[in-house]
Amino acid sequence: MHPLIRGDSGPTAVHTQKIENDGTSYGSEWTLYDGLLRPRQQQTEGDGGGRMVADTIDDGSNRVAKVNDTYYASGAPSSTLFLPVNSDVDAQTVTEYDGASRATASIFKVAGTEKYRTTYTYGGDRITANPPTGQPATTVVSDARGQATTRIEYPTGGAAVTTSYDYTSSGQLLKVTDDTGNVWFYAYDQLGRKKHRNLVARSLLRQQSGAGAGAVCGR
């Protein structure tokens, strides 16, 4: 059952009743929407007569600004918007943007306190992600179509690792070359469906004879 509820003083909400495992009773859940009909909150039944709630909060520029992972609240699911206190939310992701609406930071919080963040910087054709301490930073270079052509990882205390990507004129992945020189070739049929993938090891690529360029493995 999916009746649509639209109140003058409350949010637009959809009530869904799903049959339970016993085959006779129904579970209840509500999906609430904001004024632009974007999903705002999900409420489902929880233990002890309570409810499990999850939030998606957009900013005035139609961007996702905050996501609250599922948390417990008292009371049964309803069409009334539940407003949690940040300190009661165990997992929350906040996204910050620049003036071009590009994400500049993804911040993970527990009970309203920041635990770690990933920042993003932009430079022409590339985006660099700097994750929390202990994880490698990554730069992705893209072509005019927005397809990744180069991916560079910067391991802590090690040399950069580069993977490159080549595409067909129709935009399908044609070749992947890893940091050691191994190459994966992709082939497609006339309908654009992938037929197989072949790996050619670096040692074979270095051989001069045509026989030496055969695939080591394929699928």
C-alpha atoms as a PDB file:
ATOM      1  CA  MET A   1       0.000   0.000   0.000  1.00  0.00           C
ATOM      2  CA  HIS A   2       1.397   3.410  -0.973  1.00  0.00           C
ATOM      3  CA  PRO A   3      -1.062   6.175  -0.011  1.00  0.00           C
ATOM      4  CA  LEU A   4       0.266   9.698  -0.587  1.00  0.00           C
ATOM      5  CA  ILE A   5      -0.232  12.089   2.310  1.00  0.00           C
ATOM      6  CA  ARG A   6       0.067  15.816   1.762  1.00  0.00           C
ATOM      7  CA  GLY A   7      -0.735  17.964   4.773  1.00  0.00           C
ATOM      8  CA  ASP A   8      -0.949  21.747   4.917  1.00  0.00           C
ATOM      9  CA  SER A   9       1.422  21.935   7.874  1.00  0.00           C
ATOM     10  CA  GLY A  10       3.622  18.865   7.348  1.00  0.00           C
ATOM     11  CA  PRO A  11       5.874  17.421   4.676  1.00  0.00           C
ATOM     12  CA  THR A  12       4.758  15.317   1.744  1.00  0.00           C
ATOM     13  CA  ALA A  13       5.003  11.705   2.869  1.00  0.00           C
ATOM     14  CA  VAL A  14       4.488   8.211   1.479  1.00  0.00           C
ATOM     15  CA  HIS A  15       3.330   5.443   3.790  1.00  0.00           C
ATOM     16  CA  THR A  16       4.399   1.908   2.853  1.00  0.00           C
ATOM     17  CA  GLN A  17       3.105  -1.243   4.549  1.00  0.00           C
ATOM     18  CA  LYS A  18       5.044  -4.440   3.927  1.00  0.00           C
ATOM     19  CA  ILE A  19       3.829  -7.892   4.867  1.00  0.00           C
ATOM     20  CA  GLU A  20       5.863  -9.502   7.634  1.00  0.00           C
ATOM     21  CA  ASN A  21       7.330 -13.011   7.724  1.00  0.00           C
ATOM     22  CA  ASP A  22       4.275 -14.341   9.561  1.00  0.00           C
ATOM     23  CA  GLY A  23       2.198 -13.629   6.450  1.00  0.00           C
ATOM     24  CA  THR A  24      -0.573 -11.859   8.344  1.00  0.00           C
ATOM     25  CA  SER A  25       0.774  -8.629   9.831  1.00  0.00           C
ATOM     26  CA  TYR A  26       2.240  -5.589   8.125  1.00  0.00           C
ATOM     27  CA  GLY A  27       5.269  -3.471   8.944  1.00  0.00           C
ATOM     28  CA  SER A  28       5.024   0.273   8.575  1.00  0.00           C
ATOM     29  CA  GLU A  29       7.481   2.777   7.131  1.00  0.00           C
ATOM     30  CA  TRP A  30       7.286   6.401   6.091  1.00  0.00           C
ATOM     31  CA  THR A  31       9.286   8.330   3.503  1.00  0.00           C
ATOM     32  CA  LEU A  32       9.143  12.089   3.972  1.00  0.00           C
ATOM     33  CA  TYR A  33      10.007  14.662   1.284  1.00  0.00           C
ATOM     34  CA  ASP A  34      10.979  18.322   1.400  1.00  0.00           C
ATOM     35  CA  GLY A  35       9.293  21.168  -0.460  1.00  0.00           C
ATOM     36  CA  LEU A  36      11.087  20.245  -3.706  1.00  0.00           C
ATOM     37  CA  LEU A  37      10.046  16.583  -3.350  1.00  0.00           C
ATOM     38  CA  ARG A  38      13.568  15.449  -2.522  1.00  0.00           C
ATOM     39  CA  PRO A  39      13.813  12.513  -0.067  1.00  0.00           C
ATOM     40  CA  ARG A  40      14.271  14.064   3.370  1.00  0.00           C
ATOM     41  CA  GLN A  41      13.740  11.349   5.957  1.00  0.00           C
ATOM     42  CA  GLN A  42      13.073   7.612   6.173  1.00  0.00           C
ATOM     43  CA  GLN A  43      11.323   6.115   9.219  1.00  0.00           C
ATOM     44  CA  THR A  44      10.952   2.372   9.734  1.00  0.00           C
ATOM     45  CA  GLU A  45       9.890   0.240  12.671  1.00  0.00           C
ATOM     46  CA  GLY A  46      12.493  -0.446  15.356  1.00  0.00           C
ATOM     47  CA  ASP A  47      12.783  -2.545  18.487  1.00  0.00           C
ATOM     48  CA  GLY A  48      10.653  -1.878  21.544  1.00  0.00           C
ATOM     49  CA  GLY A  49       8.030   0.125  19.710  1.00  0.00           C
ATOM     50  CA  GLY A  50      10.563   2.688  18.496  1.00  0.00           C
ATOM     51  CA  ARG A  51      11.702   3.627  15.015  1.00  0.00           C
ATOM     52  CA  MET A  52      14.844   3.707  12.921  1.00  0.00           C
ATOM     53  CA  VAL A  53      15.391   7.060  11.246  1.00  0.00           C
ATOM     54  CA  ALA A  54      17.748   8.232   8.479  1.00  0.00           C
ATOM     55  CA  ASP A  55      18.099  11.765   7.082  1.00  0.00           C
ATOM     56  CA  THR A  56      19.246  13.427   3.869  1.00  0.00           C
ATOM     57  CA  ILE A  57      19.500  17.211   4.128  1.00  0.00           C
ATOM     58  CA  ASP A  58      19.996  19.394   1.042  1.00  0.00           C
ATOM     59  CA  ASP A  59      21.177  22.989   1.024  1.00  0.00           C
ATOM     60  CA  GLY A  60      19.653  25.947  -0.811  1.00  0.00           C
ATOM     61  CA  SER A  61      21.628  25.101  -3.961  1.00  0.00           C
ATOM     62  CA  ASN A  62      20.078  21.626  -4.287  1.00  0.00           C
ATOM     63  CA  ARG A  63      23.216  19.858  -3.032  1.00  0.00           C
ATOM     64  CA  VAL A  64      23.369  17.115  -0.398  1.00  0.00           C
ATOM     65  CA  ALA A  65      24.849  18.886   2.611  1.00  0.00           C
ATOM     66  CA  LYS A  66      24.351  16.339   5.378  1.00  0.00           C
ATOM     67  CA  VAL A  67      23.471  12.643   5.646  1.00  0.00           C
ATOM     68  CA  ASN A  68      22.578  11.034   8.965  1.00  0.00           C
ATOM     69  CA  ASP A  69      23.007   7.270   8.946  1.00  0.00           C
ATOM     70  CA  THR A  70      20.244   5.247  10.554  1.00  0.00           C
ATOM     71  CA  TYR A  71      19.700   5.964  14.263  1.00  0.00           C
ATOM     72  CA  TYR A  72      17.106   4.945  16.864  1.00  0.00           C
ATOM     73  CA  ALA A  73      14.330   7.209  18.107  1.00  0.00           C
ATOM     74  CA  SER A  74      11.362   6.612  20.380  1.00  0.00           C
ATOM     75  CA  GLY A  75       7.846   6.459  18.991  1.00  0.00           C
ATOM     76  CA  ALA A  76       6.334   4.685  16.003  1.00  0.00           C
ATOM     77  CA  PRO A  77       7.097   5.733  12.406  1.00  0.00           C
ATOM     78  CA  SER A  78       4.894   8.610  11.284  1.00  0.00           C
ATOM     79  CA  SER A  79       4.498  11.387   8.730  1.00  0.00           C
ATOM     80  CA  THR A  80       5.889  13.916  11.219  1.00  0.00           C
ATOM     81  CA  LEU A  81       9.471  15.030  10.605  1.00  0.00           C
ATOM     82  CA  PHE A  82      11.746  13.966  13.455  1.00  0.00           C
ATOM     83  CA  LEU A  83      14.518  16.445  14.265  1.00  0.00           C
ATOM     84  CA  PRO A  84      17.475  14.779  15.992  1.00  0.00           C
ATOM     85  CA  VAL A  85      20.172  16.399  18.078  1.00  0.00           C
ATOM     86  CA  ASN A  86      23.593  15.970  16.431  1.00  0.00           C
ATOM     87  CA  SER A  87      25.001  14.490  19.635  1.00  0.00           C
ATOM     88  CA  ASP A  88      22.498  11.626  19.320  1.00  0.00           C
ATOM     89  CA  VAL A  89      23.573  10.656  15.785  1.00  0.00           C
ATOM     90  CA  ASP A  90      26.262   7.961  15.678  1.00  0.00           C
ATOM     91  CA  ALA A  91      27.293   8.470  12.049  1.00  0.00           C
ATOM     92  CA  GLN A  92      26.940  11.677  10.070  1.00  0.00           C
ATOM     93  CA  THR A  93      28.550  12.813   6.803  1.00  0.00           C
ATOM     94  CA  VAL A  94      28.773  16.524   6.030  1.00  0.00           C
ATOM     95  CA  THR A  95      29.809  17.717   2.559  1.00  0.00           C
ATOM     96  CA  GLU A  96      31.268  21.166   1.863  1.00  0.00           C
ATOM     97  CA  TYR A  97      31.299  22.810  -1.575  1.00  0.00           C
ATOM     98  CA  ASP A  98      33.060  25.630  -3.396  1.00  0.00           C
ATOM     99  CA  GLY A  99      31.399  28.357  -5.462  1.00  0.00           C
ATOM    100  CA  ALA A 100      31.219  26.047  -8.475  1.00  0.00           C
ATOM    101  CA  SER A 101      29.262  23.455  -6.466  1.00  0.00           C
ATOM    102  CA  ARG A 102      32.210  21.065  -6.408  1.00  0.00           C
ATOM    103  CA  ALA A 103      32.694  19.045  -3.241  1.00  0.00           C
ATOM    104  CA  THR A 104      35.727  20.321  -1.336  1.00  0.00           C
ATOM    105  CA  ALA A 105      35.418  18.226   1.814  1.00  0.00           C
ATOM    106  CA  SER A 106      33.605  15.139   3.062  1.00  0.00           C
ATOM    107  CA  ILE A 107      33.546  15.147   6.865  1.00  0.00           C
ATOM    108  CA  PHE A 108      32.590  12.154   8.988  1.00  0.00           C
ATOM    109  CA  LYS A 109      31.225  12.933  12.442  1.00  0.00           C
ATOM    110  CA  VAL A 110      30.195  10.837  15.435  1.00  0.00           C
ATOM    111  CA  ALA A 111      27.822  12.440  17.950  1.00  0.00           C
ATOM    112  CA  GLY A 112      28.481  15.796  16.311  1.00  0.00           C
ATOM    113  CA  THR A 113      32.278  15.567  16.645  1.00  0.00           C
ATOM    114  CA  GLU A 114      34.500  15.347  13.571  1.00  0.00           C
ATOM    115  CA  LYS A 115      36.469  12.108  13.365  1.00  0.00           C
ATOM    116  CA  TYR A 116      38.082  12.441   9.960  1.00  0.00           C
ATOM    117  CA  ARG A 117      37.710  14.182   6.608  1.00  0.00           C
ATOM    118  CA  THR A 118      38.625  13.814   2.957  1.00  0.00           C
ATOM    119  CA  THR A 119      39.413  17.014   1.065  1.00  0.00           C
ATOM    120  CA  TYR A 120      39.276  17.596  -2.691  1.00  0.00           C
ATOM    121  CA  THR A 121      41.266  20.075  -4.771  1.00  0.00           C
ATOM    122  CA  TYR A 122      40.694  20.902  -8.429  1.00  0.00           C
ATOM    123  CA  GLY A 123      43.186  21.898 -11.101  1.00  0.00           C
ATOM    124  CA  GLY A 124      41.959  22.066 -14.676  1.00  0.00           C
ATOM    125  CA  ASP A 125      41.632  18.475 -15.847  1.00  0.00           C
ATOM    126  CA  ARG A 126      42.388  16.813 -12.501  1.00  0.00           C
ATOM    127  CA  ILE A 127      40.951  16.205  -9.051  1.00  0.00           C
ATOM    128  CA  THR A 128      43.104  15.309  -6.067  1.00  0.00           C
ATOM    129  CA  ALA A 129      41.575  13.581  -3.058  1.00  0.00           C
ATOM    130  CA  ASN A 130      43.386  13.753   0.279  1.00  0.00           C
ATOM    131  CA  PRO A 131      41.865  11.133   2.592  1.00  0.00           C
ATOM    132  CA  PRO A 132      42.409  10.706   6.335  1.00  0.00           C
ATOM    133  CA  THR A 133      45.861   9.893   7.656  1.00  0.00           C
ATOM    134  CA  GLY A 134      47.071   6.431   6.667  1.00  0.00           C
ATOM    135  CA  GLN A 135      45.350   6.316   3.291  1.00  0.00           C
ATOM    136  CA  PRO A 136      47.046   7.357   0.026  1.00  0.00           C
ATOM    137  CA  ALA A 137      46.150  10.594  -1.714  1.00  0.00           C
ATOM    138  CA  THR A 138      44.866  10.136  -5.260  1.00  0.00           C
ATOM    139  CA  THR A 139      44.859  12.323  -8.364  1.00  0.00           C
ATOM    140  CA  VAL A 140      42.529  11.532 -11.257  1.00  0.00           C
ATOM    141  CA  VAL A 141      43.071  13.201 -14.635  1.00  0.00           C
ATOM    142  CA  SER A 142      40.081  13.266 -16.997  1.00  0.00           C
ATOM    143  CA  ASP A 143      39.597  13.999 -20.688  1.00  0.00           C
ATOM    144  CA  ALA A 144      37.061  16.330 -22.309  1.00  0.00           C
ATOM    145  CA  ARG A 145      34.377  13.641 -21.923  1.00  0.00           C
ATOM    146  CA  GLY A 146      34.970  13.401 -18.210  1.00  0.00           C
ATOM    147  CA  GLN A 147      36.519   9.938 -18.514  1.00  0.00           C
ATOM    148  CA  ALA A 148      39.490   9.145 -16.294  1.00  0.00           C
ATOM    149  CA  THR A 149      42.682   8.877 -18.357  1.00  0.00           C
ATOM    150  CA  THR A 150      45.224   8.735 -15.533  1.00  0.00           C
ATOM    151  CA  ARG A 151      44.995   7.729 -11.894  1.00  0.00           C
ATOM    152  CA  ILE A 152      47.946   8.441  -9.609  1.00  0.00           C
ATOM    153  CA  GLU A 153      48.175   7.164  -6.044  1.00  0.00           C
ATOM    154  CA  TYR A 154      50.689   8.558  -3.579  1.00  0.00           C
ATOM    155  CA  PRO A 155      51.423   5.887  -0.934  1.00  0.00           C
ATOM    156  CA  THR A 156      52.826   7.188   2.326  1.00  0.00           C
ATOM    157  CA  GLY A 157      56.593   6.894   2.160  1.00  0.00           C
ATOM    158  CA  GLY A 158      56.575   5.339  -1.315  1.00  0.00           C
ATOM    159  CA  ALA A 159      56.760   6.277  -4.966  1.00  0.00           C
ATOM    160  CA  ALA A 160      53.689   7.347  -6.888  1.00  0.00           C
ATOM    161  CA  VAL A 161      51.728   4.568  -8.621  1.00  0.00           C
ATOM    162  CA  THR A 162      50.231   5.477 -11.997  1.00  0.00           C
ATOM    163  CA  THR A 163      47.499   3.701 -13.966  1.00  0.00           C
ATOM    164  CA  SER A 164      46.463   4.980 -17.405  1.00  0.00           C
ATOM    165  CA  TYR A 165      43.279   4.410 -19.387  1.00  0.00           C
ATOM    166  CA  ASP A 166      42.597   4.633 -23.131  1.00  0.00           C
ATOM    167  CA  TYR A 167      39.202   4.661 -24.832  1.00  0.00           C
ATOM    168  CA  THR A 168      37.679   3.944 -28.234  1.00  0.00           C
ATOM    169  CA  SER A 169      36.221   6.756 -30.360  1.00  0.00           C
ATOM    170  CA  SER A 170      32.794   5.848 -28.933  1.00  0.00           C
ATOM    171  CA  GLY A 171      34.033   6.222 -25.372  1.00  0.00           C
ATOM    172  CA  GLN A 172      34.386   2.562 -24.383  1.00  0.00           C
ATOM    173  CA  LEU A 173      37.364   1.422 -22.352  1.00  0.00           C
ATOM    174  CA  LEU A 174      40.034   0.113 -24.731  1.00  0.00           C
ATOM    175  CA  LYS A 175      43.215  -0.304 -22.707  1.00  0.00           C
ATOM    176  CA  VAL A 176      44.426  -0.135 -19.104  1.00  0.00           C
ATOM    177  CA  THR A 177      48.142   0.123 -18.347  1.00  0.00           C
ATOM    178  CA  ASP A 178      49.380  -0.364 -14.807  1.00  0.00           C
ATOM    179  CA  ASP A 179      52.458   1.085 -13.139  1.00  0.00           C
ATOM    180  CA  THR A 180      54.653  -1.893 -14.052  1.00  0.00           C
ATOM    181  CA  GLY A 181      53.767  -1.811 -17.749  1.00  0.00           C
ATOM    182  CA  ASN A 182      51.215  -4.623 -17.888  1.00  0.00           C
ATOM    183  CA  VAL A 183      48.382  -3.859 -20.306  1.00  0.00           C
ATOM    184  CA  TRP A 184      44.763  -5.034 -20.381  1.00  0.00           C
ATOM    185  CA  PHE A 185      43.043  -4.788 -23.785  1.00  0.00           C
ATOM    186  CA  TYR A 186      39.253  -4.789 -24.159  1.00  0.00           C
ATOM    187  CA  ALA A 187      37.249  -5.817 -27.239  1.00  0.00           C
ATOM    188  CA  TYR A 188      33.581  -5.236 -28.074  1.00  0.00           C
ATOM    189  CA  ASP A 189      31.053  -6.581 -30.542  1.00  0.00           C
ATOM    190  CA  GLN A 190      29.017  -4.466 -32.978  1.00  0.00           C
ATOM    191  CA  LEU A 191      26.408  -3.781 -30.292  1.00  0.00           C
ATOM    192  CA  GLY A 192      29.034  -2.360 -27.970  1.00  0.00           C
ATOM    193  CA  ARG A 193      28.992  -5.340 -25.620  1.00  0.00           C
ATOM    194  CA  LYS A 194      32.320  -6.397 -24.140  1.00  0.00           C
ATOM    195  CA  LYS A 195      33.516  -9.635 -25.717  1.00  0.00           C
ATOM    196  CA  HIS A 196      36.697 -10.268 -23.779  1.00  0.00           C
ATOM    197  CA  ARG A 197      39.611  -8.803 -21.853  1.00  0.00           C
ATOM    198  CA  ASN A 198      43.218  -9.806 -22.520  1.00  0.00           C
ATOM    199  CA  LEU A 199      46.238  -9.195 -20.317  1.00  0.00           C
ATOM    200  CA  VAL A 200      49.578  -8.705 -22.048  1.00  0.00           C
ATOM    201  CA  ALA A 201      52.532  -8.830 -19.643  1.00  0.00           C
ATOM    202  CA  ARG A 202      55.268  -6.212 -19.858  1.00  0.00           C
ATOM    203  CA  SER A 203      57.894  -8.824 -20.737  1.00  0.00           C
ATOM    204  CA  LEU A 204      55.941  -9.857 -23.829  1.00  0.00           C
ATOM    205  CA  LEU A 205      55.363  -6.268 -24.904  1.00  0.00           C
ATOM    206  CA  ARG A 206      59.149  -5.795 -24.955  1.00  0.00           C
ATOM    207  CA  GLN A 207      59.714  -8.642 -27.371  1.00  0.00           C
ATOM    208  CA  GLN A 208      60.168  -7.675 -30.977  1.00  0.00           C
ATOM    209  CA  SER A 209      58.450 -10.601 -32.667  1.00  0.00           C
ATOM    210  CA  GLY A 210      54.729 -10.536 -33.306  1.00  0.00           C
ATOM    211  CA  ALA A 211      54.329 -13.867 -31.539  1.00  0.00           C
ATOM    212  CA  GLY A 212      55.680 -12.340 -28.401  1.00  0.00           C
ATOM    213  CA  ALA A 213      52.735  -9.953 -28.145  1.00  0.00           C
ATOM    214  CA  GLY A 214      50.198 -12.684 -27.428  1.00  0.00           C
ATOM    215  CA  ALA A 215      47.895 -12.514 -24.427  1.00  0.00           C
ATOM    216  CA  VAL A 216      48.881 -14.241 -21.229  1.00  0.00           C
ATOM    217  CA  CYS A 217      45.289 -14.616 -20.122  1.00  0.00           C
ATOM    218  CA  GLY A 218      41.862 -13.439 -21.200  1.00  0.00           C
ATOM    219  CA  ARG A 219      38.203 -13.602 -20.393  1.00  0.00           C
END
